[in-house]
């Protein structure tokens, strides 16, 4: 189950069908990553100030960021099914940063939001981009997931900068 928590209602006016979009992007990422056991994930749609606070508190960076991920477990995809849905973690997005980046990159707000949701979910599932090889694996997954949602390769028109 994907729980979409709209902390900043401006999201509802800025990205048409945002809750459905976020749910589809997150669910598709989970399925593609083979997280088949019943799972729960929360995606919070917030403002830049909220993400700045979270970024400062958990990463020591006093600035807003586009997406943050908070995995609940170091082994997000267990070998054996657990009883009942398992909470995988939380993903948070900052509206102002997402809209600014989408404009700078010539993308729609919806496509950029979907990309960041997928990126955040993959982090919750244990993917990272700390090394070039890990970044390449993560980017390939993102591209495939987004393609299945009808969204173009987000890296095709952007310099290779990690999110």
N, C-alpha and C. Protein backbone atom coordinates (compact mmCIF):
# COMPACT_ATOMS: atom_id res chain seq x y z
N UNK A 1 0.84 -1.17 0.00
CA UNK A 1 0.00 0.00 0.00
C UNK A 1 0.89 1.25 0.00
N UNK A 2 0.55 2.18 -0.84
CA UNK A 2 1.28 3.44 -0.90
C UNK A 2 0.41 4.50 -0.25
N UNK A 3 0.94 5.13 0.78
CA UNK A 3 0.24 6.21 1.47
C UNK A 3 0.83 7.54 0.99
N UNK A 4 0.02 8.36 0.35
CA UNK A 4 0.48 9.67 -0.12
C UNK A 4 -0.02 10.71 0.87
N UNK A 5 0.91 11.36 1.53
CA UNK A 5 0.60 12.37 2.54
C UNK A 5 0.89 13.75 1.95
N UNK A 6 -0.16 14.53 1.71
CA UNK A 6 0.00 15.85 1.12
C UNK A 6 0.12 16.87 2.26
N UNK A 7 1.35 17.22 2.58
CA UNK A 7 1.63 18.20 3.64
C UNK A 7 1.46 19.63 3.14
N UNK A 8 1.78 19.84 1.86
CA UNK A 8 1.64 21.16 1.24
C UNK A 8 0.59 21.05 0.14
N UNK A 9 -0.58 21.61 0.39
CA UNK A 9 -1.71 21.49 -0.54
C UNK A 9 -1.43 22.15 -1.89
N UNK A 10 -0.40 22.96 -1.98
CA UNK A 10 -0.04 23.57 -3.26
C UNK A 10 0.29 22.50 -4.29
N UNK A 11 0.75 21.34 -3.84
CA UNK A 11 1.01 20.22 -4.75
C UNK A 11 -0.24 19.91 -5.57
N UNK A 12 -1.41 19.94 -4.93
CA UNK A 12 -2.65 19.57 -5.60
C UNK A 12 -2.98 20.51 -6.75
N UNK A 13 -2.57 21.76 -6.66
CA UNK A 13 -2.81 22.75 -7.72
C UNK A 13 -1.66 22.79 -8.73
N UNK A 14 -0.51 22.30 -8.35
CA UNK A 14 0.68 22.42 -9.20
C UNK A 14 0.90 21.24 -10.13
N UNK A 15 0.48 20.05 -9.70
CA UNK A 15 0.69 18.84 -10.51
C UNK A 15 -0.64 18.10 -10.58
N UNK A 16 -1.24 18.11 -11.75
CA UNK A 16 -2.55 17.47 -11.93
C UNK A 16 -2.48 15.98 -11.60
N UNK A 17 -3.44 15.51 -10.80
CA UNK A 17 -3.51 14.09 -10.46
C UNK A 17 -2.33 13.61 -9.65
N UNK A 18 -1.76 14.47 -8.83
CA UNK A 18 -0.51 14.17 -8.11
C UNK A 18 -0.59 12.90 -7.27
N UNK A 19 -1.68 12.70 -6.56
CA UNK A 19 -1.75 11.53 -5.68
C UNK A 19 -1.74 10.23 -6.48
N UNK A 20 -2.48 10.20 -7.57
CA UNK A 20 -2.49 9.03 -8.44
C UNK A 20 -1.12 8.81 -9.09
N UNK A 21 -0.51 9.88 -9.56
CA UNK A 21 0.82 9.81 -10.17
C UNK A 21 1.84 9.23 -9.21
N UNK A 22 1.86 9.74 -7.99
CA UNK A 22 2.81 9.27 -6.98
C UNK A 22 2.57 7.80 -6.67
N UNK A 23 1.30 7.41 -6.51
CA UNK A 23 0.98 6.02 -6.23
C UNK A 23 1.43 5.09 -7.34
N UNK A 24 1.17 5.47 -8.60
CA UNK A 24 1.58 4.64 -9.74
C UNK A 24 3.09 4.53 -9.83
N UNK A 25 3.79 5.65 -9.67
CA UNK A 25 5.26 5.63 -9.76
C UNK A 25 5.86 4.76 -8.67
N UNK A 26 5.38 4.91 -7.44
CA UNK A 26 5.92 4.13 -6.32
C UNK A 26 5.61 2.65 -6.49
N UNK A 27 4.38 2.33 -6.85
CA UNK A 27 3.98 0.93 -7.02
C UNK A 27 4.78 0.27 -8.14
N UNK A 28 4.97 0.97 -9.24
CA UNK A 28 5.74 0.43 -10.36
C UNK A 28 7.18 0.18 -9.95
N UNK A 29 7.76 1.08 -9.18
CA UNK A 29 9.14 0.89 -8.70
C UNK A 29 9.23 -0.33 -7.80
N UNK A 30 8.26 -0.51 -6.92
CA UNK A 30 8.26 -1.67 -6.03
C UNK A 30 8.15 -2.98 -6.81
N UNK A 31 7.25 -3.02 -7.78
CA UNK A 31 7.06 -4.23 -8.58
C UNK A 31 8.32 -4.53 -9.39
N UNK A 32 8.88 -3.53 -10.02
CA UNK A 32 10.09 -3.71 -10.84
C UNK A 32 11.26 -4.22 -9.99
N UNK A 33 11.34 -3.74 -8.74
CA UNK A 33 12.43 -4.16 -7.85
C UNK A 33 12.11 -5.47 -7.14
N UNK A 34 11.00 -6.09 -7.53
CA UNK A 34 10.60 -7.39 -7.01
C UNK A 34 10.28 -7.37 -5.52
N UNK A 35 9.76 -6.27 -5.05
CA UNK A 35 9.28 -6.19 -3.66
C UNK A 35 7.85 -6.72 -3.66
N UNK A 36 7.72 -8.05 -3.75
CA UNK A 36 6.41 -8.67 -3.96
C UNK A 36 5.65 -8.95 -2.67
N UNK A 37 6.34 -9.04 -1.55
CA UNK A 37 5.64 -9.26 -0.28
C UNK A 37 4.79 -8.03 0.02
N UNK A 38 3.69 -8.20 0.73
CA UNK A 38 2.87 -7.03 1.08
C UNK A 38 3.72 -5.97 1.76
N UNK A 39 3.64 -4.75 1.24
CA UNK A 39 4.49 -3.69 1.75
C UNK A 39 3.72 -2.38 1.86
N UNK A 40 4.20 -1.54 2.76
CA UNK A 40 3.67 -0.19 2.92
C UNK A 40 4.81 0.80 2.71
N UNK A 41 4.46 1.93 2.14
CA UNK A 41 5.43 2.99 1.89
C UNK A 41 4.67 4.30 1.99
N UNK A 42 5.27 5.29 2.62
CA UNK A 42 4.65 6.61 2.71
C UNK A 42 5.45 7.60 1.87
N UNK A 43 4.75 8.37 1.03
CA UNK A 43 5.37 9.43 0.25
C UNK A 43 4.76 10.75 0.72
N UNK A 44 5.60 11.62 1.26
CA UNK A 44 5.14 12.92 1.76
C UNK A 44 5.44 13.99 0.72
N UNK A 45 4.41 14.74 0.36
CA UNK A 45 4.55 15.86 -0.57
C UNK A 45 4.55 17.13 0.27
N UNK A 46 5.72 17.73 0.39
CA UNK A 46 5.91 18.84 1.32
C UNK A 46 6.46 20.06 0.60
N UNK A 47 6.83 21.06 1.39
CA UNK A 47 7.42 22.28 0.86
C UNK A 47 8.93 22.27 1.09
N UNK A 48 9.60 23.26 0.53
CA UNK A 48 11.06 23.33 0.66
C UNK A 48 11.51 23.46 2.11
N UNK A 49 10.77 24.19 2.92
CA UNK A 49 11.17 24.40 4.31
C UNK A 49 11.16 23.08 5.09
N UNK A 50 10.15 22.27 4.85
CA UNK A 50 10.08 20.96 5.52
C UNK A 50 11.26 20.08 5.11
N UNK A 51 11.57 20.06 3.82
CA UNK A 51 12.71 19.25 3.36
C UNK A 51 14.03 19.83 3.85
N UNK A 52 14.12 21.15 3.95
CA UNK A 52 15.33 21.76 4.51
C UNK A 52 15.51 21.29 5.95
N UNK A 53 14.44 21.31 6.74
CA UNK A 53 14.50 20.85 8.13
C UNK A 53 14.93 19.39 8.21
N UNK A 54 14.32 18.54 7.40
CA UNK A 54 14.67 17.12 7.40
C UNK A 54 16.11 16.90 6.93
N UNK A 55 16.51 17.63 5.91
CA UNK A 55 17.87 17.51 5.38
C UNK A 55 18.90 17.92 6.44
N UNK A 56 18.59 18.98 7.18
CA UNK A 56 19.50 19.44 8.24
C UNK A 56 19.55 18.42 9.37
N UNK A 57 18.40 17.93 9.77
CA UNK A 57 18.32 17.01 10.91
C UNK A 57 18.97 15.66 10.61
N UNK A 58 18.74 15.12 9.43
CA UNK A 58 19.19 13.75 9.15
C UNK A 58 20.45 13.65 8.30
N UNK A 59 20.80 14.72 7.58
CA UNK A 59 21.98 14.67 6.72
C UNK A 59 22.98 15.76 7.03
N UNK A 60 22.65 16.65 7.96
CA UNK A 60 23.55 17.73 8.33
C UNK A 60 23.72 18.78 7.25
N UNK A 61 22.75 18.87 6.33
CA UNK A 61 22.82 19.84 5.23
C UNK A 61 21.66 20.82 5.39
N UNK A 62 21.99 22.08 5.68
CA UNK A 62 20.96 23.08 5.97
C UNK A 62 20.49 23.77 4.69
N UNK A 63 19.91 22.96 3.80
CA UNK A 63 19.35 23.49 2.56
C UNK A 63 18.25 22.53 2.09
N UNK A 64 17.30 23.05 1.31
CA UNK A 64 16.28 22.13 0.79
C UNK A 64 16.90 21.20 -0.24
N UNK A 65 16.24 20.11 -0.50
CA UNK A 65 16.66 19.16 -1.53
C UNK A 65 15.40 18.66 -2.20
N UNK A 66 15.54 18.02 -3.34
CA UNK A 66 14.36 17.59 -4.08
C UNK A 66 13.66 16.39 -3.45
N UNK A 67 14.42 15.40 -3.01
CA UNK A 67 13.83 14.19 -2.46
C UNK A 67 14.73 13.64 -1.35
N UNK A 68 14.09 13.12 -0.33
CA UNK A 68 14.80 12.42 0.75
C UNK A 68 14.12 11.07 0.94
N UNK A 69 14.92 10.07 1.29
CA UNK A 69 14.40 8.72 1.54
C UNK A 69 14.83 8.26 2.91
N UNK A 70 13.92 7.57 3.58
CA UNK A 70 14.17 7.08 4.92
C UNK A 70 13.79 5.60 4.99
N UNK A 71 14.72 4.70 4.65
CA UNK A 71 14.42 3.27 4.73
C UNK A 71 14.22 2.85 6.18
N UNK A 72 13.28 1.92 6.39
CA UNK A 72 13.04 1.41 7.73
C UNK A 72 13.93 0.23 8.07
N UNK A 73 14.52 -0.41 7.07
CA UNK A 73 15.23 -1.66 7.31
C UNK A 73 16.42 -1.76 6.37
N UNK A 74 17.58 -2.20 6.88
CA UNK A 74 18.73 -2.36 5.99
C UNK A 74 18.55 -3.49 4.98
N UNK A 75 17.60 -4.41 5.21
CA UNK A 75 17.29 -5.49 4.27
C UNK A 75 15.86 -5.30 3.80
N UNK A 76 15.63 -4.35 2.88
CA UNK A 76 14.27 -3.99 2.53
C UNK A 76 13.47 -5.06 1.80
N UNK A 77 14.14 -6.02 1.16
CA UNK A 77 13.41 -7.08 0.46
C UNK A 77 13.81 -8.40 1.10
N UNK A 78 13.07 -8.86 2.11
CA UNK A 78 13.44 -10.08 2.82
C UNK A 78 13.29 -11.31 1.94
N UNK A 79 14.07 -12.34 2.26
CA UNK A 79 14.01 -13.59 1.51
C UNK A 79 12.68 -14.30 1.75
N UNK A 80 12.14 -14.18 2.95
CA UNK A 80 10.88 -14.83 3.29
C UNK A 80 9.80 -13.79 3.53
N UNK A 81 8.59 -14.14 3.14
CA UNK A 81 7.47 -13.23 3.35
C UNK A 81 7.18 -13.10 4.84
N UNK A 82 6.88 -11.90 5.25
CA UNK A 82 6.50 -11.65 6.64
C UNK A 82 4.98 -11.64 6.72
N UNK A 83 4.47 -11.80 7.93
CA UNK A 83 3.04 -11.75 8.12
C UNK A 83 2.58 -10.30 8.10
N UNK A 84 1.63 -10.00 7.25
CA UNK A 84 1.11 -8.64 7.15
C UNK A 84 2.03 -7.75 6.36
N UNK A 85 1.54 -6.57 5.98
CA UNK A 85 2.37 -5.65 5.21
C UNK A 85 3.55 -5.14 6.02
N UNK A 86 4.65 -4.97 5.37
CA UNK A 86 5.87 -4.49 6.00
C UNK A 86 6.10 -3.04 5.59
N UNK A 87 6.34 -2.16 6.57
CA UNK A 87 6.61 -0.76 6.25
C UNK A 87 8.05 -0.66 5.77
N UNK A 88 8.23 -0.27 4.51
CA UNK A 88 9.56 -0.20 3.91
C UNK A 88 10.29 1.08 4.26
N UNK A 89 9.53 2.17 4.42
CA UNK A 89 10.15 3.44 4.73
C UNK A 89 9.32 4.60 4.21
N UNK A 90 9.96 5.75 4.15
CA UNK A 90 9.28 6.98 3.75
C UNK A 90 10.11 7.72 2.71
N UNK A 91 9.41 8.44 1.85
CA UNK A 91 10.03 9.30 0.84
C UNK A 91 9.38 10.66 0.98
N UNK A 92 10.17 11.73 0.88
CA UNK A 92 9.63 13.09 0.99
C UNK A 92 10.12 13.92 -0.20
N UNK A 93 9.22 14.72 -0.78
CA UNK A 93 9.56 15.59 -1.90
C UNK A 93 9.24 17.04 -1.55
N UNK A 94 10.06 17.96 -2.08
CA UNK A 94 9.90 19.40 -1.84
C UNK A 94 9.36 20.08 -3.10
N UNK A 95 8.18 20.65 -3.00
CA UNK A 95 7.51 21.22 -4.17
C UNK A 95 8.33 22.29 -4.87
N UNK A 96 8.79 23.29 -4.15
CA UNK A 96 9.52 24.38 -4.79
C UNK A 96 10.74 23.91 -5.55
N UNK A 97 11.49 23.02 -4.94
CA UNK A 97 12.70 22.50 -5.59
C UNK A 97 12.34 21.66 -6.80
N UNK A 98 11.30 20.83 -6.68
CA UNK A 98 10.87 20.00 -7.80
C UNK A 98 10.43 20.86 -8.98
N UNK A 99 9.62 21.89 -8.71
CA UNK A 99 9.15 22.77 -9.80
C UNK A 99 10.30 23.54 -10.44
N UNK A 100 11.21 24.04 -9.62
CA UNK A 100 12.36 24.79 -10.15
C UNK A 100 13.22 23.89 -11.04
N UNK A 101 13.54 22.69 -10.54
CA UNK A 101 14.37 21.76 -11.33
C UNK A 101 13.68 21.36 -12.63
N UNK A 102 12.38 21.09 -12.57
CA UNK A 102 11.65 20.70 -13.78
C UNK A 102 11.76 21.80 -14.83
N UNK A 103 11.59 23.04 -14.41
CA UNK A 103 11.71 24.17 -15.33
C UNK A 103 13.11 24.29 -15.90
N UNK A 104 14.11 24.17 -15.04
CA UNK A 104 15.50 24.27 -15.49
C UNK A 104 15.88 23.16 -16.47
N UNK A 105 15.28 21.99 -16.28
CA UNK A 105 15.63 20.83 -17.10
C UNK A 105 14.69 20.63 -18.29
N UNK A 106 13.71 21.53 -18.43
CA UNK A 106 12.78 21.43 -19.55
C UNK A 106 11.87 20.22 -19.47
N UNK A 107 11.50 19.82 -18.26
CA UNK A 107 10.63 18.67 -18.05
C UNK A 107 9.30 19.14 -17.48
N UNK A 108 8.28 18.31 -17.61
CA UNK A 108 7.03 18.65 -16.95
C UNK A 108 7.19 18.37 -15.45
N UNK A 109 6.42 19.08 -14.66
CA UNK A 109 6.46 18.85 -13.21
C UNK A 109 6.04 17.42 -12.90
N UNK A 110 5.07 16.90 -13.64
CA UNK A 110 4.59 15.53 -13.41
C UNK A 110 5.70 14.51 -13.68
N UNK A 111 6.38 14.65 -14.82
CA UNK A 111 7.45 13.70 -15.15
C UNK A 111 8.60 13.77 -14.15
N UNK A 112 8.97 14.98 -13.75
CA UNK A 112 10.07 15.12 -12.79
C UNK A 112 9.66 14.56 -11.43
N UNK A 113 8.42 14.80 -11.03
CA UNK A 113 7.92 14.25 -9.76
C UNK A 113 7.96 12.73 -9.80
N UNK A 114 7.47 12.13 -10.89
CA UNK A 114 7.49 10.67 -11.01
C UNK A 114 8.92 10.15 -10.91
N UNK A 115 9.85 10.81 -11.58
CA UNK A 115 11.25 10.40 -11.53
C UNK A 115 11.76 10.43 -10.09
N UNK A 116 11.48 11.50 -9.37
CA UNK A 116 11.98 11.62 -8.00
C UNK A 116 11.33 10.61 -7.06
N UNK A 117 10.06 10.30 -7.29
CA UNK A 117 9.40 9.25 -6.49
C UNK A 117 10.10 7.92 -6.74
N UNK A 118 10.32 7.58 -7.99
CA UNK A 118 11.01 6.33 -8.33
C UNK A 118 12.40 6.32 -7.70
N UNK A 119 13.12 7.41 -7.83
CA UNK A 119 14.47 7.53 -7.25
C UNK A 119 14.41 7.29 -5.74
N UNK A 120 13.47 7.94 -5.08
CA UNK A 120 13.34 7.79 -3.63
C UNK A 120 12.97 6.38 -3.21
N UNK A 121 12.06 5.75 -3.94
CA UNK A 121 11.66 4.38 -3.62
C UNK A 121 12.85 3.44 -3.80
N UNK A 122 13.62 3.62 -4.85
CA UNK A 122 14.80 2.77 -5.03
C UNK A 122 15.79 2.94 -3.88
N UNK A 123 15.95 4.15 -3.38
CA UNK A 123 16.80 4.34 -2.19
C UNK A 123 16.24 3.56 -1.00
N UNK A 124 14.94 3.62 -0.79
CA UNK A 124 14.31 2.87 0.31
C UNK A 124 14.59 1.38 0.15
N UNK A 125 14.66 0.92 -1.09
CA UNK A 125 14.90 -0.50 -1.37
C UNK A 125 16.38 -0.88 -1.36
N UNK A 126 17.25 0.08 -1.05
CA UNK A 126 18.66 -0.24 -0.90
C UNK A 126 19.57 0.20 -2.03
N UNK A 127 19.04 0.78 -3.07
CA UNK A 127 19.87 1.29 -4.16
C UNK A 127 20.55 2.58 -3.70
N UNK A 128 21.73 2.85 -4.28
CA UNK A 128 22.37 4.14 -4.02
C UNK A 128 23.19 4.54 -5.23
N UNK A 129 23.78 5.72 -5.17
CA UNK A 129 24.59 6.21 -6.28
C UNK A 129 25.89 6.81 -5.76
N UNK A 130 26.48 6.12 -4.76
CA UNK A 130 27.73 6.60 -4.17
C UNK A 130 28.93 6.33 -5.06
N UNK A 131 28.85 5.29 -5.86
CA UNK A 131 29.93 5.00 -6.81
C UNK A 131 29.36 5.09 -8.23
N UNK A 132 30.23 5.23 -9.20
CA UNK A 132 29.78 5.31 -10.59
C UNK A 132 29.03 4.05 -11.00
N UNK A 133 29.52 2.89 -10.58
CA UNK A 133 28.85 1.64 -10.98
C UNK A 133 27.48 1.52 -10.32
N UNK A 134 27.37 1.90 -9.05
CA UNK A 134 26.06 1.88 -8.38
C UNK A 134 25.11 2.89 -9.03
N UNK A 135 25.63 4.05 -9.39
CA UNK A 135 24.81 5.08 -10.04
C UNK A 135 24.28 4.56 -11.38
N UNK A 136 25.13 3.85 -12.12
CA UNK A 136 24.71 3.31 -13.42
C UNK A 136 23.59 2.30 -13.26
N UNK A 137 23.70 1.43 -12.25
CA UNK A 137 22.66 0.44 -11.98
C UNK A 137 21.35 1.14 -11.61
N UNK A 138 21.44 2.10 -10.72
CA UNK A 138 20.25 2.82 -10.26
C UNK A 138 19.60 3.58 -11.42
N UNK A 139 20.40 4.25 -12.22
CA UNK A 139 19.86 5.00 -13.36
C UNK A 139 19.18 4.08 -14.36
N UNK A 140 19.76 2.91 -14.62
CA UNK A 140 19.13 1.94 -15.54
C UNK A 140 17.75 1.53 -15.02
N UNK A 141 17.67 1.27 -13.72
CA UNK A 141 16.38 0.91 -13.13
C UNK A 141 15.38 2.05 -13.26
N UNK A 142 15.82 3.26 -12.93
CA UNK A 142 14.93 4.43 -13.04
C UNK A 142 14.42 4.58 -14.47
N UNK A 143 15.30 4.49 -15.44
CA UNK A 143 14.92 4.66 -16.85
C UNK A 143 13.89 3.62 -17.25
N UNK A 144 14.11 2.35 -16.85
CA UNK A 144 13.18 1.27 -17.20
C UNK A 144 11.82 1.48 -16.53
N UNK A 145 11.82 1.83 -15.26
CA UNK A 145 10.56 2.05 -14.54
C UNK A 145 9.79 3.21 -15.17
N UNK A 146 10.48 4.30 -15.43
CA UNK A 146 9.82 5.47 -16.02
C UNK A 146 9.31 5.16 -17.42
N UNK A 147 10.06 4.40 -18.20
CA UNK A 147 9.61 4.02 -19.54
C UNK A 147 8.30 3.24 -19.46
N UNK A 148 8.19 2.36 -18.46
CA UNK A 148 6.95 1.59 -18.32
C UNK A 148 5.77 2.48 -17.93
N UNK A 149 6.06 3.68 -17.43
CA UNK A 149 5.02 4.66 -17.11
C UNK A 149 4.81 5.65 -18.26
N UNK A 150 5.53 5.45 -19.37
CA UNK A 150 5.41 6.35 -20.51
C UNK A 150 6.19 7.64 -20.37
N UNK A 151 7.22 7.63 -19.53
CA UNK A 151 8.03 8.83 -19.27
C UNK A 151 9.41 8.64 -19.88
N UNK A 152 9.87 9.65 -20.60
CA UNK A 152 11.17 9.60 -21.28
C UNK A 152 12.33 9.50 -20.29
N UNK A 153 13.46 9.05 -20.80
CA UNK A 153 14.70 8.95 -20.03
C UNK A 153 15.04 10.31 -19.42
N UNK A 154 15.04 10.41 -18.09
CA UNK A 154 15.29 11.71 -17.46
C UNK A 154 16.75 12.15 -17.57
N UNK A 155 17.63 11.23 -17.92
CA UNK A 155 19.05 11.55 -18.01
C UNK A 155 19.47 11.91 -19.43
N UNK A 156 18.57 11.76 -20.39
CA UNK A 156 18.92 12.00 -21.79
C UNK A 156 19.26 13.46 -22.06
N UNK A 157 18.62 14.38 -21.34
CA UNK A 157 18.84 15.79 -21.63
C UNK A 157 19.51 16.55 -20.49
N UNK A 158 20.03 15.80 -19.53
CA UNK A 158 20.64 16.41 -18.35
C UNK A 158 22.05 15.90 -18.21
N UNK A 159 22.96 16.74 -17.76
CA UNK A 159 24.31 16.25 -17.49
C UNK A 159 24.24 15.20 -16.40
N UNK A 160 25.17 14.30 -16.37
CA UNK A 160 25.14 13.17 -15.44
C UNK A 160 25.44 13.62 -14.02
N UNK A 161 24.48 14.25 -13.40
CA UNK A 161 24.62 14.66 -12.01
C UNK A 161 23.69 13.81 -11.16
N UNK A 162 24.19 13.20 -10.09
CA UNK A 162 23.31 12.42 -9.23
C UNK A 162 22.31 13.32 -8.54
N UNK A 163 21.17 12.74 -8.24
CA UNK A 163 20.13 13.48 -7.53
C UNK A 163 20.57 13.61 -6.12
